[in-house]
Amino acid sequence: MLNKMIMIGRLVHQPELHTTPSEKHVTRFTVAINRKYKGQDGERQTDFINAVAWGKMAENLASYGTKGSLISVDGELRTRKYEKNGETHYASEVLCHGFQLLESRAQRAMRENNVSQELADLILEEEPLPF
């Protein structure tokens, strides 16, 4: 069986590094991904996917990732359950196996300084392959 997720989107908030009681580093983050097609109102819908990174990967993401960064994440979909106030809740998230920041430092600086609105509104479109 195979459980593989690959997603490209933008970080919704600044990743924060946390340490568990057992001294493991963890970063929870959310990736905003525009859907391929527009809705009935002509607007693109956006999915917000929760993810988690552990160890050195969590440290690197917290150090180099910023709110709005274009990121590629690969991992696997996990579902966990927990109890809160006597009720059982379920949460789904991507367990990050790897990530890549897809912007250069110059592009990131332009986006952060609002030099180019086109860059901030970058939408990756699927194009047909030439073969």
C-alpha atoms as a PDB file:
ATOM      1  CA  MET A   1       0.000   0.000   0.000  1.00  0.00           C
ATOM      2  CA  LEU A   2       1.094   3.560  -0.640  1.00  0.00           C
ATOM      3  CA  ASN A   3       0.410   6.757   1.285  1.00  0.00           C
ATOM      4  CA  LYS A   4       2.185   9.647  -0.460  1.00  0.00           C
ATOM      5  CA  MET A   5       1.313  13.344  -0.485  1.00  0.00           C
ATOM      6  CA  ILE A   6       3.016  16.013  -2.567  1.00  0.00           C
ATOM      7  CA  MET A   7       1.750  19.575  -2.350  1.00  0.00           C
ATOM      8  CA  ILE A   8       2.874  23.024  -3.442  1.00  0.00           C
ATOM      9  CA  GLY A   9       1.468  26.119  -1.820  1.00  0.00           C
ATOM     10  CA  ARG A  10       2.242  29.021   0.487  1.00  0.00           C
ATOM     11  CA  LEU A  11       2.868  28.988   4.232  1.00  0.00           C
ATOM     12  CA  VAL A  12      -0.130  30.519   5.998  1.00  0.00           C
ATOM     13  CA  HIS A  13       1.814  31.716   9.044  1.00  0.00           C
ATOM     14  CA  GLN A  14       5.357  31.950  10.354  1.00  0.00           C
ATOM     15  CA  PRO A  15       6.480  28.418  11.362  1.00  0.00           C
ATOM     16  CA  GLU A  16       7.280  28.178  15.069  1.00  0.00           C
ATOM     17  CA  LEU A  17       9.631  25.622  16.569  1.00  0.00           C
ATOM     18  CA  HIS A  18       8.423  23.829  19.698  1.00  0.00           C
ATOM     19  CA  THR A  19      10.124  21.259  21.897  1.00  0.00           C
ATOM     20  CA  THR A  20       8.255  18.281  23.347  1.00  0.00           C
ATOM     21  CA  PRO A  21       8.769  17.133  26.945  1.00  0.00           C
ATOM     22  CA  SER A  22      11.025  14.382  25.524  1.00  0.00           C
ATOM     23  CA  GLU A  23      13.279  17.074  23.943  1.00  0.00           C
ATOM     24  CA  LYS A  24      12.158  16.482  20.323  1.00  0.00           C
ATOM     25  CA  HIS A  25      11.712  19.456  17.995  1.00  0.00           C
ATOM     26  CA  VAL A  26       8.407  19.863  16.175  1.00  0.00           C
ATOM     27  CA  THR A  27       6.915  22.479  13.863  1.00  0.00           C
ATOM     28  CA  ARG A  28       3.252  22.499  12.920  1.00  0.00           C
ATOM     29  CA  PHE A  29       2.346  24.560   9.877  1.00  0.00           C
ATOM     30  CA  THR A  30      -0.422  25.117   7.356  1.00  0.00           C
ATOM     31  CA  VAL A  31      -0.066  25.293   3.575  1.00  0.00           C
ATOM     32  CA  ALA A  32      -2.595  27.231   1.460  1.00  0.00           C
ATOM     33  CA  ILE A  33      -3.167  25.609  -1.921  1.00  0.00           C
ATOM     34  CA  ASN A  34      -5.272  27.136  -4.685  1.00  0.00           C
ATOM     35  CA  ARG A  35      -7.586  24.696  -6.389  1.00  0.00           C
ATOM     36  CA  LYS A  36      -7.082  24.054 -10.074  1.00  0.00           C
ATOM     37  CA  TYR A  37     -10.477  25.313 -11.198  1.00  0.00           C
ATOM     38  CA  LYS A  38     -12.549  28.365 -10.331  1.00  0.00           C
ATOM     39  CA  GLY A  39     -15.846  28.013  -8.461  1.00  0.00           C
ATOM     40  CA  GLN A  40     -19.288  29.057  -9.668  1.00  0.00           C
ATOM     41  CA  ASP A  41     -18.627  32.605  -8.468  1.00  0.00           C
ATOM     42  CA  GLY A  42     -15.517  32.822 -10.670  1.00  0.00           C
ATOM     43  CA  GLU A  43     -13.153  32.821  -7.696  1.00  0.00           C
ATOM     44  CA  ARG A  44     -10.503  30.233  -6.966  1.00  0.00           C
ATOM     45  CA  GLN A  45     -11.124  28.216  -3.839  1.00  0.00           C
ATOM     46  CA  THR A  46      -8.240  27.571  -1.458  1.00  0.00           C
ATOM     47  CA  ASP A  47      -7.555  24.491   0.635  1.00  0.00           C
ATOM     48  CA  PHE A  48      -5.656  24.837   3.916  1.00  0.00           C
ATOM     49  CA  ILE A  49      -3.673  21.681   4.658  1.00  0.00           C
ATOM     50  CA  ASN A  50      -2.152  21.123   8.108  1.00  0.00           C
ATOM     51  CA  ALA A  51       1.273  19.521   8.310  1.00  0.00           C
ATOM     52  CA  VAL A  52       3.897  18.657  10.908  1.00  0.00           C
ATOM     53  CA  ALA A  53       7.699  18.343  10.677  1.00  0.00           C
ATOM     54  CA  TRP A  54       9.974  16.764  13.282  1.00  0.00           C
ATOM     55  CA  GLY A  55      13.653  16.944  14.219  1.00  0.00           C
ATOM     56  CA  LYS A  56      16.202  18.791  12.097  1.00  0.00           C
ATOM     57  CA  MET A  57      13.620  19.326   9.364  1.00  0.00           C
ATOM     58  CA  ALA A  58      11.432  21.214  11.869  1.00  0.00           C
ATOM     59  CA  GLU A  59      14.414  23.362  12.882  1.00  0.00           C
ATOM     60  CA  ASN A  60      15.235  24.202   9.241  1.00  0.00           C
ATOM     61  CA  LEU A  61      11.642  25.073   8.383  1.00  0.00           C
ATOM     62  CA  ALA A  62      11.343  27.361  11.412  1.00  0.00           C
ATOM     63  CA  SER A  63      14.659  29.027  10.510  1.00  0.00           C
ATOM     64  CA  TYR A  64      14.169  29.577   6.781  1.00  0.00           C
ATOM     65  CA  GLY A  65      10.410  29.481   6.147  1.00  0.00           C
ATOM     66  CA  THR A  66       8.378  32.659   6.469  1.00  0.00           C
ATOM     67  CA  LYS A  67       4.712  33.520   6.168  1.00  0.00           C
ATOM     68  CA  GLY A  68       3.835  33.481   2.467  1.00  0.00           C
ATOM     69  CA  SER A  69       6.836  31.392   1.379  1.00  0.00           C
ATOM     70  CA  LEU A  70       6.196  29.183  -1.649  1.00  0.00           C
ATOM     71  CA  ILE A  71       6.909  25.636  -0.461  1.00  0.00           C
ATOM     72  CA  SER A  72       6.819  22.090  -1.758  1.00  0.00           C
ATOM     73  CA  VAL A  73       6.069  19.444   0.861  1.00  0.00           C
ATOM     74  CA  ASP A  74       6.176  15.685   0.487  1.00  0.00           C
ATOM     75  CA  GLY A  75       5.019  13.274   3.132  1.00  0.00           C
ATOM     76  CA  GLU A  76       2.147  11.046   4.125  1.00  0.00           C
ATOM     77  CA  LEU A  77      -1.375  11.706   5.309  1.00  0.00           C
ATOM     78  CA  ARG A  78      -1.926  10.807   8.958  1.00  0.00           C
ATOM     79  CA  THR A  79      -5.084  10.784  11.054  1.00  0.00           C
ATOM     80  CA  ARG A  80      -4.896  10.966  14.817  1.00  0.00           C
ATOM     81  CA  LYS A  81      -7.523  11.030  17.519  1.00  0.00           C
ATOM     82  CA  TYR A  82      -7.525  12.810  20.838  1.00  0.00           C
ATOM     83  CA  GLU A  83      -9.942  13.550  23.635  1.00  0.00           C
ATOM     84  CA  LYS A  84     -10.870  17.038  24.764  1.00  0.00           C
ATOM     85  CA  ASN A  85     -13.519  17.801  27.373  1.00  0.00           C
ATOM     86  CA  GLY A  86     -14.647  14.170  27.262  1.00  0.00           C
ATOM     87  CA  GLU A  87     -15.241  14.200  23.495  1.00  0.00           C
ATOM     88  CA  THR A  88     -13.222  12.309  20.907  1.00  0.00           C
ATOM     89  CA  HIS A  89     -11.844  14.456  18.080  1.00  0.00           C
ATOM     90  CA  TYR A  90     -10.050  13.442  14.892  1.00  0.00           C
ATOM     91  CA  ALA A  91      -7.414  15.441  13.036  1.00  0.00           C
ATOM     92  CA  SER A  92      -5.797  14.802   9.657  1.00  0.00           C
ATOM     93  CA  GLU A  93      -2.394  16.240   8.785  1.00  0.00           C
ATOM     94  CA  VAL A  94       0.556  15.585   6.517  1.00  0.00           C
ATOM     95  CA  LEU A  95       3.592  14.076   8.221  1.00  0.00           C
ATOM     96  CA  CYS A  96       6.403  15.898   6.420  1.00  0.00           C
ATOM     97  CA  HIS A  97       9.192  13.720   5.006  1.00  0.00           C
ATOM     98  CA  GLY A  98      10.827  16.598   3.138  1.00  0.00           C
ATOM     99  CA  PHE A  99      10.283  20.128   1.936  1.00  0.00           C
ATOM    100  CA  GLN A 100      11.772  22.663  -0.461  1.00  0.00           C
ATOM    101  CA  LEU A 101      11.389  26.404  -0.391  1.00  0.00           C
ATOM    102  CA  LEU A 102      10.682  27.357  -4.003  1.00  0.00           C
ATOM    103  CA  GLU A 103      11.536  31.065  -3.944  1.00  0.00           C
ATOM    104  CA  SER A 104      14.915  32.695  -4.285  1.00  0.00           C
ATOM    105  CA  ARG A 105      15.990  35.216  -1.663  1.00  0.00           C
ATOM    106  CA  ALA A 106      15.415  38.000  -4.192  1.00  0.00           C
ATOM    107  CA  GLN A 107      11.857  36.827  -4.917  1.00  0.00           C
ATOM    108  CA  ARG A 108      11.144  36.553  -1.203  1.00  0.00           C
ATOM    109  CA  ALA A 109      12.462  40.080  -0.582  1.00  0.00           C
ATOM    110  CA  MET A 110      10.319  41.446  -3.437  1.00  0.00           C
ATOM    111  CA  ARG A 111       7.226  39.708  -2.052  1.00  0.00           C
ATOM    112  CA  GLU A 112       7.874  40.881   1.497  1.00  0.00           C
ATOM    113  CA  ASN A 113       8.370  44.463   0.322  1.00  0.00           C
ATOM    114  CA  ASN A 114       5.318  44.308  -1.989  1.00  0.00           C
ATOM    115  CA  VAL A 115       7.475  45.338  -4.948  1.00  0.00           C
ATOM    116  CA  SER A 116       5.651  42.997  -7.284  1.00  0.00           C
ATOM    117  CA  GLN A 117       1.991  42.186  -6.632  1.00  0.00           C
ATOM    118  CA  GLU A 118       2.125  39.669  -9.500  1.00  0.00           C
ATOM    119  CA  LEU A 119       4.693  37.609  -7.604  1.00  0.00           C
ATOM    120  CA  ALA A 120       2.571  37.601  -4.439  1.00  0.00           C
ATOM    121  CA  ASP A 121      -0.413  36.338  -6.435  1.00  0.00           C
ATOM    122  CA  LEU A 122       1.543  33.575  -8.154  1.00  0.00           C
ATOM    123  CA  ILE A 123      -0.729  30.716  -9.147  1.00  0.00           C
ATOM    124  CA  LEU A 124       0.804  27.605 -10.596  1.00  0.00           C
ATOM    125  CA  GLU A 125      -1.197  26.562 -13.631  1.00  0.00           C
ATOM    126  CA  GLU A 126      -1.114  23.119 -15.138  1.00  0.00           C
ATOM    127  CA  GLU A 127      -0.052  23.121 -18.773  1.00  0.00           C
ATOM    128  CA  PRO A 128      -0.212  20.206 -21.201  1.00  0.00           C
ATOM    129  CA  LEU A 129       3.042  18.391 -21.782  1.00  0.00           C
ATOM    130  CA  PRO A 130       4.590  18.875 -25.240  1.00  0.00           C
ATOM    131  CA  PHE A 131       4.857  15.116 -25.843  1.00  0.00           C
END
